[in-house]
Full PDB file with SEQRES, HELIX, SHEET, SSBOND, CRYST1, ORIGX, SCALE, CONECT and MASTER records, all heavy atoms in Angstrom:
SEQRES   1 A   37  ASP ALA PHE ALA ALA VAL GLU ARG ASP ALA GLY GLN HIS          
SEQRES   2 A   37  LYS SER PRO ASN ALA GLY TRP PRO GLU ALA ALA MET ALA          
SEQRES   3 A   37  GLY ALA LEU GLY LEU LYS LEU ALA GLY PRO ARG                  
HELIX    1 AA1 ALA A    2  ASP A    9  1                                   8    
HELIX    2 AA2 ALA A   10  GLN A   12  5                                   3    
HELIX    3 AA3 GLY A   19  LEU A   29  1                                  11    
CRYST1    1.000    1.000    1.000  90.00  90.00  90.00 P 1           1          
ORIGX1      1.000000  0.000000  0.000000        0.00000                         
ORIGX2      0.000000  1.000000  0.000000        0.00000                         
ORIGX3      0.000000  0.000000  1.000000        0.00000                         
SCALE1      1.000000  0.000000  0.000000        0.00000                         
SCALE2      0.000000  1.000000  0.000000        0.00000                         
SCALE3      0.000000  0.000000  1.000000        0.00000                         
ATOM      1  N   ASP A   1     103.994  83.093  90.431  1.00  0.00           N  
ATOM      2  CA  ASP A   1     102.557  82.959  90.633  1.00  0.00           C  
ATOM      3  C   ASP A   1     102.182  83.269  92.079  1.00  0.00           C  
ATOM      4  O   ASP A   1     101.092  83.798  92.345  1.00  0.00           O  
ATOM      5  CB  ASP A   1     102.099  81.545  90.278  1.00  0.00           C  
ATOM      6  CG  ASP A   1     102.175  81.271  88.782  1.00  0.00           C  
ATOM      7  OD1 ASP A   1     102.285  82.244  88.007  1.00  0.00           O  
ATOM      8  OD2 ASP A   1     102.141  80.091  88.389  1.00  0.00           O  
ATOM      9  N   ALA A   2     103.071  82.924  93.015  1.00  0.00           N  
ATOM     10  CA  ALA A   2     102.806  83.237  94.421  1.00  0.00           C  
ATOM     11  C   ALA A   2     102.743  84.751  94.626  1.00  0.00           C  
ATOM     12  O   ALA A   2     101.833  85.269  95.297  1.00  0.00           O  
ATOM     13  CB  ALA A   2     103.891  82.628  95.308  1.00  0.00           C  
ATOM     14  N   PHE A   3     103.696  85.466  94.040  1.00  0.00           N  
ATOM     15  CA  PHE A   3     103.696  86.927  94.146  1.00  0.00           C  
ATOM     16  C   PHE A   3     102.452  87.526  93.500  1.00  0.00           C  
ATOM     17  O   PHE A   3     101.804  88.419  94.061  1.00  0.00           O  
ATOM     18  CB  PHE A   3     104.956  87.500  93.488  1.00  0.00           C  
ATOM     19  CG  PHE A   3     105.049  88.996  93.540  1.00  0.00           C  
ATOM     20  CD1 PHE A   3     105.540  89.635  94.661  1.00  0.00           C  
ATOM     21  CD2 PHE A   3     104.623  89.768  92.465  1.00  0.00           C  
ATOM     22  CE1 PHE A   3     105.613  91.018  94.718  1.00  0.00           C  
ATOM     23  CE2 PHE A   3     104.689  91.148  92.509  1.00  0.00           C  
ATOM     24  CZ  PHE A   3     105.192  91.779  93.644  1.00  0.00           C  
ATOM     25  N   ALA A   4     102.096  87.013  92.326  1.00  0.00           N  
ATOM     26  CA  ALA A   4     100.929  87.536  91.616  1.00  0.00           C  
ATOM     27  C   ALA A   4      99.651  87.290  92.408  1.00  0.00           C  
ATOM     28  O   ALA A   4      98.765  88.152  92.459  1.00  0.00           O  
ATOM     29  CB  ALA A   4     100.828  86.887  90.235  1.00  0.00           C  
ATOM     30  N   ALA A   5      99.542  86.114  93.041  1.00  0.00           N  
ATOM     31  CA  ALA A   5      98.344  85.797  93.823  1.00  0.00           C  
ATOM     32  C   ALA A   5      98.231  86.714  95.039  1.00  0.00           C  
ATOM     33  O   ALA A   5      97.132  87.168  95.383  1.00  0.00           O  
ATOM     34  CB  ALA A   5      98.381  84.334  94.258  1.00  0.00           C  
ATOM     35  N   VAL A   6      99.355  86.995  95.687  1.00  0.00           N  
ATOM     36  CA  VAL A   6      99.331  87.904  96.831  1.00  0.00           C  
ATOM     37  C   VAL A   6      98.895  89.295  96.393  1.00  0.00           C  
ATOM     38  O   VAL A   6      98.033  89.931  97.021  1.00  0.00           O  
ATOM     39  CB  VAL A   6     100.720  87.956  97.509  1.00  0.00           C  
ATOM     40  CG1 VAL A   6     100.781  89.090  98.532  1.00  0.00           C  
ATOM     41  CG2 VAL A   6     101.031  86.626  98.181  1.00  0.00           C  
ATOM     42  N   GLU A   7      99.484  89.773  95.316  1.00  0.00           N  
ATOM     43  CA  GLU A   7      99.167  91.111  94.827  1.00  0.00           C  
ATOM     44  C   GLU A   7      97.702  91.215  94.404  1.00  0.00           C  
ATOM     45  O   GLU A   7      97.043  92.234  94.656  1.00  0.00           O  
ATOM     46  CB  GLU A   7     100.082  91.448  93.651  1.00  0.00           C  
ATOM     47  CG  GLU A   7      99.966  92.874  93.154  1.00  0.00           C  
ATOM     48  CD  GLU A   7     100.955  93.170  92.048  1.00  0.00           C  
ATOM     49  OE1 GLU A   7     101.176  92.294  91.181  1.00  0.00           O  
ATOM     50  OE2 GLU A   7     101.505  94.280  92.048  1.00  0.00           O  
ATOM     51  N   ARG A   8      97.189  90.157  93.800  1.00  0.00           N  
ATOM     52  CA  ARG A   8      95.827  90.193  93.256  1.00  0.00           C  
ATOM     53  C   ARG A   8      94.761  89.862  94.300  1.00  0.00           C  
ATOM     54  O   ARG A   8      93.700  90.496  94.353  1.00  0.00           O  
ATOM     55  CB  ARG A   8      95.732  89.197  92.102  1.00  0.00           C  
ATOM     56  CG  ARG A   8      94.375  89.127  91.419  1.00  0.00           C  
ATOM     57  CD  ARG A   8      94.347  88.012  90.383  1.00  0.00           C  
ATOM     58  NE  ARG A   8      94.602  86.710  90.970  1.00  0.00           N  
ATOM     59  CZ  ARG A   8      95.640  85.935  90.652  1.00  0.00           C  
ATOM     60  NH1 ARG A   8      96.532  86.319  89.763  1.00  0.00           N  
ATOM     61  NH2 ARG A   8      95.814  84.761  91.240  1.00  0.00           N  
ATOM     62  N   ASP A   9      95.029  88.853  95.174  1.00  0.00           N  
ATOM     63  CA  ASP A   9      93.961  88.270  95.978  1.00  0.00           C  
ATOM     64  C   ASP A   9      94.023  88.547  97.475  1.00  0.00           C  
ATOM     65  O   ASP A   9      92.982  88.468  98.149  1.00  0.00           O  
ATOM     66  CB  ASP A   9      93.951  86.740  95.785  1.00  0.00           C  
ATOM     67  CG  ASP A   9      93.740  86.330  94.336  1.00  0.00           C  
ATOM     68  OD1 ASP A   9      93.006  87.049  93.632  1.00  0.00           O  
ATOM     69  OD2 ASP A   9      94.307  85.310  93.916  1.00  0.00           O  
ATOM     70  N   ALA A  10      95.199  88.822  98.032  1.00  0.00           N  
ATOM     71  CA  ALA A  10      95.329  88.890  99.493  1.00  0.00           C  
ATOM     72  C   ALA A  10      94.351  89.876 100.120  1.00  0.00           C  
ATOM     73  O   ALA A  10      93.745  89.597 101.166  1.00  0.00           O  
ATOM     74  CB  ALA A  10      96.765  89.246  99.887  1.00  0.00           C  
ATOM     75  N   GLY A  11      94.181  91.023  99.501  1.00  0.00           N  
ATOM     76  CA  GLY A  11      93.310  92.045 100.058  1.00  0.00           C  
ATOM     77  C   GLY A  11      91.835  91.746  99.915  1.00  0.00           C  
ATOM     78  O   GLY A  11      90.995  92.450 100.498  1.00  0.00           O  
ATOM     79  N   GLN A  12      91.480  90.677  99.159  1.00  0.00           N  
ATOM     80  CA  GLN A  12      90.078  90.319  98.943  1.00  0.00           C  
ATOM     81  C   GLN A  12      89.552  89.360 100.009  1.00  0.00           C  
ATOM     82  O   GLN A  12      88.353  89.108 100.070  1.00  0.00           O  
ATOM     83  CB  GLN A  12      89.919  89.669  97.566  1.00  0.00           C  
ATOM     84  CG  GLN A  12      90.407  90.521  96.403  1.00  0.00           C  
ATOM     85  CD  GLN A  12      89.628  91.811  96.264  1.00  0.00           C  
ATOM     86  OE1 GLN A  12      88.422  91.833  96.422  1.00  0.00           O  
ATOM     87  NE2 GLN A  12      90.333  92.899  95.977  1.00  0.00           N  
ATOM     88  N   HIS A  13      90.438  88.819 100.833  1.00  0.00           N  
ATOM     89  CA  HIS A  13      90.038  87.864 101.872  1.00  0.00           C  
ATOM     90  C   HIS A  13      89.235  88.580 102.952  1.00  0.00           C  
ATOM     91  O   HIS A  13      89.465  89.755 103.239  1.00  0.00           O  
ATOM     92  CB  HIS A  13      91.288  87.220 102.481  1.00  0.00           C  
ATOM     93  CG  HIS A  13      91.035  85.934 103.194  1.00  0.00           C  
ATOM     94  ND1 HIS A  13      90.413  85.873 104.423  1.00  0.00           N  
ATOM     95  CD2 HIS A  13      91.331  84.637 102.864  1.00  0.00           C  
ATOM     96  CE1 HIS A  13      90.344  84.608 104.816  1.00  0.00           C  
ATOM     97  NE2 HIS A  13      90.885  83.843 103.887  1.00  0.00           N  
ATOM     98  N   LYS A  14      88.299  87.876 103.586  1.00  0.00           N  
ATOM     99  CA  LYS A  14      87.500  88.485 104.650  1.00  0.00           C  
ATOM    100  C   LYS A  14      88.356  88.853 105.853  1.00  0.00           C  
ATOM    101  O   LYS A  14      88.046  89.788 106.581  1.00  0.00           O  
ATOM    102  CB  LYS A  14      86.376  87.528 105.077  1.00  0.00           C  
ATOM    103  CG  LYS A  14      85.221  87.479 104.086  1.00  0.00           C  
ATOM    104  CD  LYS A  14      84.047  86.724 104.660  1.00  0.00           C  
ATOM    105  CE  LYS A  14      82.862  86.765 103.701  1.00  0.00           C  
ATOM    106  NZ  LYS A  14      82.349  88.139 103.501  1.00  0.00           N  
ATOM    107  N   SER A  15      89.421  88.108 106.075  1.00  0.00           N  
ATOM    108  CA  SER A  15      90.355  88.434 107.150  1.00  0.00           C  
ATOM    109  C   SER A  15      91.376  89.440 106.649  1.00  0.00           C  
ATOM    110  O   SER A  15      91.860  89.333 105.523  1.00  0.00           O  
ATOM    111  CB  SER A  15      91.087  87.169 107.621  1.00  0.00           C  
ATOM    112  OG  SER A  15      92.224  87.490 108.399  1.00  0.00           O  
ATOM    113  N   PRO A  16      91.752  90.441 107.473  1.00  0.00           N  
ATOM    114  CA  PRO A  16      92.766  91.399 107.033  1.00  0.00           C  
ATOM    115  C   PRO A  16      94.164  90.805 106.942  1.00  0.00           C  
ATOM    116  O   PRO A  16      95.061  91.435 106.383  1.00  0.00           O  
ATOM    117  CB  PRO A  16      92.703  92.480 108.115  1.00  0.00           C  
ATOM    118  CG  PRO A  16      92.199  91.772 109.328  1.00  0.00           C  
ATOM    119  CD  PRO A  16      91.230  90.744 108.823  1.00  0.00           C  
ATOM    120  N   ASN A  17      94.345  89.585 107.471  1.00  0.00           N  
ATOM    121  CA  ASN A  17      95.680  88.992 107.511  1.00  0.00           C  
ATOM    122  C   ASN A  17      95.778  87.623 106.842  1.00  0.00           C  
ATOM    123  O   ASN A  17      96.794  87.306 106.217  1.00  0.00           O  
ATOM    124  CB  ASN A  17      96.145  88.868 108.971  1.00  0.00           C  
ATOM    125  CG  ASN A  17      96.315  90.212 109.636  1.00  0.00           C  
ATOM    126  OD1 ASN A  17      96.969  91.108 109.099  1.00  0.00           O  
ATOM    127  ND2 ASN A  17      95.724  90.386 110.808  1.00  0.00           N  
ATOM    128  N   ALA A  18      94.750  86.791 106.968  1.00  0.00           N  
ATOM    129  CA  ALA A  18      94.855  85.399 106.496  1.00  0.00           C  
ATOM    130  C   ALA A  18      95.077  85.303 104.996  1.00  0.00           C  
ATOM    131  O   ALA A  18      95.705  84.354 104.517  1.00  0.00           O  
ATOM    132  CB  ALA A  18      93.600  84.625 106.888  1.00  0.00           C  
ATOM    133  N   GLY A  19      94.581  86.274 104.238  1.00  0.00           N  
ATOM    134  CA  GLY A  19      94.725  86.211 102.794  1.00  0.00           C  
ATOM    135  C   GLY A  19      96.157  86.261 102.311  1.00  0.00           C  
ATOM    136  O   GLY A  19      96.469  85.715 101.232  1.00  0.00           O  
ATOM    137  N   TRP A  20      97.039  86.878 103.057  1.00  0.00           N  
ATOM    138  CA  TRP A  20      98.429  87.022 102.597  1.00  0.00           C  
ATOM    139  C   TRP A  20      99.159  85.685 102.518  1.00  0.00           C  
ATOM    140  O   TRP A  20      99.640  85.314 101.438  1.00  0.00           O  
ATOM    141  CB  TRP A  20      99.163  88.017 103.497  1.00  0.00           C  
ATOM    142  CG  TRP A  20      98.655  89.414 103.312  1.00  0.00           C  
ATOM    143  CD1 TRP A  20      97.493  89.941 103.803  1.00  0.00           C  
ATOM    144  CD2 TRP A  20      99.257  90.450 102.542  1.00  0.00           C  
ATOM    145  NE1 TRP A  20      97.349  91.250 103.397  1.00  0.00           N  
ATOM    146  CE2 TRP A  20      98.419  91.585 102.621  1.00  0.00           C  
ATOM    147  CE3 TRP A  20     100.434  90.533 101.809  1.00  0.00           C  
ATOM    148  CZ2 TRP A  20      98.718  92.779 101.982  1.00  0.00           C  
ATOM    149  CZ3 TRP A  20     100.737  91.730 101.176  1.00  0.00           C  
ATOM    150  CH2 TRP A  20      99.883  92.835 101.257  1.00  0.00           C  
ATOM    151  N   PRO A  21      99.257  84.913 103.607  1.00  0.00           N  
ATOM    152  CA  PRO A  21      99.931  83.617 103.460  1.00  0.00           C  
ATOM    153  C   PRO A  21      99.131  82.627 102.623  1.00  0.00           C  
ATOM    154  O   PRO A  21      99.717  81.804 101.913  1.00  0.00           O  
ATOM    155  CB  PRO A  21     100.080  83.133 104.911  1.00  0.00           C  
ATOM    156  CG  PRO A  21      99.016  83.853 105.670  1.00  0.00           C  
ATOM    157  CD  PRO A  21      98.892  85.191 105.014  1.00  0.00           C  
ATOM    158  N   GLU A  22      97.787  82.688 102.684  1.00  0.00           N  
ATOM    159  CA  GLU A  22      96.995  81.753 101.898  1.00  0.00           C  
ATOM    160  C   GLU A  22      97.159  82.014 100.404  1.00  0.00           C  
ATOM    161  O   GLU A  22      97.266  81.080  99.608  1.00  0.00           O  
ATOM    162  CB  GLU A  22      95.520  81.835 102.297  1.00  0.00           C  
ATOM    163  CG  GLU A  22      95.236  81.205 103.648  1.00  0.00           C  
ATOM    164  CD  GLU A  22      93.751  81.139 103.947  1.00  0.00           C  
ATOM    165  OE1 GLU A  22      92.932  81.249 103.013  1.00  0.00           O  
ATOM    166  OE2 GLU A  22      93.404  80.964 105.133  1.00  0.00           O  
ATOM    167  N   ALA A  23      97.169  83.280 100.002  1.00  0.00           N  
ATOM    168  CA  ALA A  23      97.369  83.602  98.586  1.00  0.00           C  
ATOM    169  C   ALA A  23      98.757  83.178  98.129  1.00  0.00           C  
ATOM    170  O   ALA A  23      98.924  82.626  97.028  1.00  0.00           O  
ATOM    171  CB  ALA A  23      97.157  85.095  98.352  1.00  0.00           C  
ATOM    172  N   ALA A  24      99.772  83.431  98.956  1.00  0.00           N  
ATOM    173  CA  ALA A  24     101.139  83.028  98.592  1.00  0.00           C  
ATOM    174  C   ALA A  24     101.239  81.517  98.441  1.00  0.00           C  
ATOM    175  O   ALA A  24     101.852  81.013  97.492  1.00  0.00           O  
ATOM    176  CB  ALA A  24     102.126  83.529  99.650  1.00  0.00           C  
ATOM    177  N   MET A  25     100.638  80.783  99.375  1.00  0.00           N  
ATOM    178  CA  MET A  25     100.671  79.322  99.305  1.00  0.00           C  
ATOM    179  C   MET A  25      99.918  78.825  98.073  1.00  0.00           C  
ATOM    180  O   MET A  25     100.403  77.938  97.351  1.00  0.00           O  
ATOM    181  CB  MET A  25     100.050  78.731 100.577  1.00  0.00           C  
ATOM    182  CG  MET A  25     100.050  77.218 100.655  1.00  0.00           C  
ATOM    183  SD  MET A  25     101.688  76.507 100.978  1.00  0.00           S  
ATOM    184  CE  MET A  25     101.823  76.762 102.766  1.00  0.00           C  
ATOM    185  N   ALA A  26      98.745  79.395  97.814  1.00  0.00           N  
ATOM    186  CA  ALA A  26      97.950  78.977  96.660  1.00  0.00           C  
ATOM    187  C   ALA A  26      98.702  79.207  95.360  1.00  0.00           C  
ATOM    188  O   ALA A  26      98.770  78.322  94.493  1.00  0.00           O  
ATOM    189  CB  ALA A  26      96.621  79.728  96.644  1.00  0.00           C  
ATOM    190  N   GLY A  27      99.263  80.391  95.198  1.00  0.00           N  
ATOM    191  CA  GLY A  27      99.992  80.695  93.976  1.00  0.00           C  
ATOM    192  C   GLY A  27     101.213  79.819  93.792  1.00  0.00           C  
ATOM    193  O   GLY A  27     101.494  79.348  92.685  1.00  0.00           O  
ATOM    194  N   ALA A  28     101.946  79.588  94.879  1.00  0.00           N  
ATOM    195  CA  ALA A  28     103.157  78.780  94.795  1.00  0.00           C  
ATOM    196  C   ALA A  28     102.859  77.346  94.381  1.00  0.00           C  
ATOM    197  O   ALA A  28     103.656  76.715  93.680  1.00  0.00           O  
ATOM    198  CB  ALA A  28     103.887  78.788  96.134  1.00  0.00           C  
ATOM    199  N   LEU A  29     101.687  76.819  94.797  1.00  0.00           N  
ATOM    200  CA  LEU A  29     101.356  75.415  94.531  1.00  0.00           C  
ATOM    201  C   LEU A  29     100.424  75.234  93.339  1.00  0.00           C  
ATOM    202  O   LEU A  29     100.079  74.103  92.989  1.00  0.00           O  
ATOM    203  CB  LEU A  29     100.707  74.797  95.774  1.00  0.00           C  
ATOM    204  CG  LEU A  29     101.550  74.792  97.051  1.00  0.00           C  
ATOM    205  CD1 LEU A  29     100.753  74.179  98.196  1.00  0.00           C  
ATOM    206  CD2 LEU A  29     102.861  74.049  96.849  1.00  0.00           C  
ATOM    207  N   GLY A  30      99.979  76.347  92.739  1.00  0.00           N  
ATOM    208  CA  GLY A  30      99.057  76.242  91.622  1.00  0.00           C  
ATOM    209  C   GLY A  30      97.672  75.793  92.034  1.00  0.00           C  
ATOM    210  O   GLY A  30      97.006  75.039  91.304  1.00  0.00           O  
ATOM    211  N   LEU A  31      97.202  76.256  93.203  1.00  0.00           N  
ATOM    212  CA  LEU A  31      95.913  75.860  93.738  1.00  0.00           C  
ATOM    213  C   LEU A  31      94.993  77.066  93.914  1.00  0.00           C  
ATOM    214  O   LEU A  31      95.422  78.220  93.803  1.00  0.00           O  
ATOM    215  CB  LEU A  31      96.090  75.174  95.101  1.00  0.00           C  
ATOM    216  CG  LEU A  31      96.891  73.873  95.131  1.00  0.00           C  
ATOM    217  CD1 LEU A  31      97.115  73.444  96.574  1.00  0.00           C  
ATOM    218  CD2 LEU A  31      96.184  72.783  94.340  1.00  0.00           C  
ATOM    219  N   LYS A  32      93.735  76.773  94.230  1.00  0.00           N  
ATOM    220  CA  LYS A  32      92.788  77.781  94.696  1.00  0.00           C  
ATOM    221  C   LYS A  32      92.450  77.430  96.145  1.00  0.00           C  
ATOM    222  O   LYS A  32      92.049  76.290  96.432  1.00  0.00           O  
ATOM    223  CB  LYS A  32      91.510  77.772  93.852  1.00  0.00           C  
ATOM    224  CG  LYS A  32      91.702  78.262  92.440  1.00  0.00           C  
ATOM    225  CD  LYS A  32      90.447  78.062  91.599  1.00  0.00           C  
ATOM    226  CE  LYS A  32      89.345  79.030  91.986  1.00  0.00           C  
ATOM    227  NZ  LYS A  32      88.192  78.947  91.048  1.00  0.00           N  
ATOM    228  N   LEU A  33      92.625  78.396  97.058  1.00  0.00           N  
ATOM    229  CA  LEU A  33      92.341  78.180  98.471  1.00  0.00           C  
ATOM    230  C   LEU A  33      91.308  79.190  98.947  1.00  0.00           C  
ATOM    231  O   LEU A  33      90.982  80.140  98.254  1.00  0.00           O  
ATOM    232  CB  LEU A  33      93.623  78.297  99.305  1.00  0.00           C  
ATOM    233  CG  LEU A  33      94.748  77.316  98.972  1.00  0.00           C  
ATOM    234  CD1 LEU A  33      95.981  77.608  99.817  1.00  0.00           C  
ATOM    235  CD2 LEU A  33      94.294  75.869  99.168  1.00  0.00           C  
ATOM    236  N   ALA A  34      90.843  78.969 100.182  1.00  0.00           N  
ATOM    237  CA  ALA A  34      89.791  79.798 100.787  1.00  0.00           C  
ATOM    238  C   ALA A  34      88.503  79.628  99.984  1.00  0.00           C  
ATOM    239  O   ALA A  34      88.046  78.502  99.810  1.00  0.00           O  
ATOM    240  CB  ALA A  34      90.229  81.255 100.907  1.00  0.00           C  
ATOM    241  N   GLY A  35      87.908  80.701  99.481  1.00  0.00           N  
ATOM    242  CA  GLY A  35      86.664  80.579  98.738  1.00  0.00           C  
ATOM    243  C   GLY A  35      85.479  80.296  99.644  1.00  0.00           C  
ATOM    244  O   GLY A  35      85.595  80.319 100.872  1.00  0.00           O  
ATOM    245  N   PRO A  36      84.314  80.004  99.077  1.00  0.00           N  
ATOM    246  CA  PRO A  36      83.114  79.715  99.874  1.00  0.00           C  
ATOM    247  C   PRO A  36      83.314  78.456 100.718  1.00  0.00           C  
ATOM    248  O   PRO A  36      83.815  77.435 100.221  1.00  0.00           O  
ATOM    249  CB  PRO A  36      82.026  79.504  98.816  1.00  0.00           C  
ATOM    250  CG  PRO A  36      82.562  80.160  97.582  1.00  0.00           C  
ATOM    251  CD  PRO A  36      84.040  79.999  97.633  1.00  0.00           C  
ATOM    252  N   ARG A  37      82.908  78.503 101.994  1.00  0.00           N  
ATOM    253  CA  ARG A  37      83.080  77.351 102.873  1.00  0.00           C  
ATOM    254  C   ARG A  37      82.124  77.445 104.055  1.00  0.00           C  
ATOM    255  O   ARG A  37      81.621  78.513 104.371  1.00  0.00           O  
ATOM    256  CB  ARG A  37      84.539  77.246 103.359  1.00  0.00           C  
ATOM    257  CG  ARG A  37      85.067  78.493 104.044  1.00  0.00           C  
ATOM    258  CD  ARG A  37      86.588  78.513 104.030  1.00  0.00           C  
ATOM    259  NE  ARG A  37      87.133  79.652 104.766  1.00  0.00           N  
ATOM    260  CZ  ARG A  37      87.285  80.866 104.243  1.00  0.00           C  
ATOM    261  NH1 ARG A  37      86.941  81.100 102.975  1.00  0.00           N  
ATOM    262  NH2 ARG A  37      87.789  81.847 104.958  1.00  0.00           N  
TER     263      ARG A  37                                                      
MASTER        0    0    0    3    0    0    0    6  262    1    0    3          
END                                                                             
């Protein structure tokens, strides 16, 4: 799930870099991170 989240979501983050570790962490833990804030 961590790999799938990175592949699917990392490039959608407003930051060119923050989405990669955040997507991996979210997928690995079964969570949703970032989003509207």
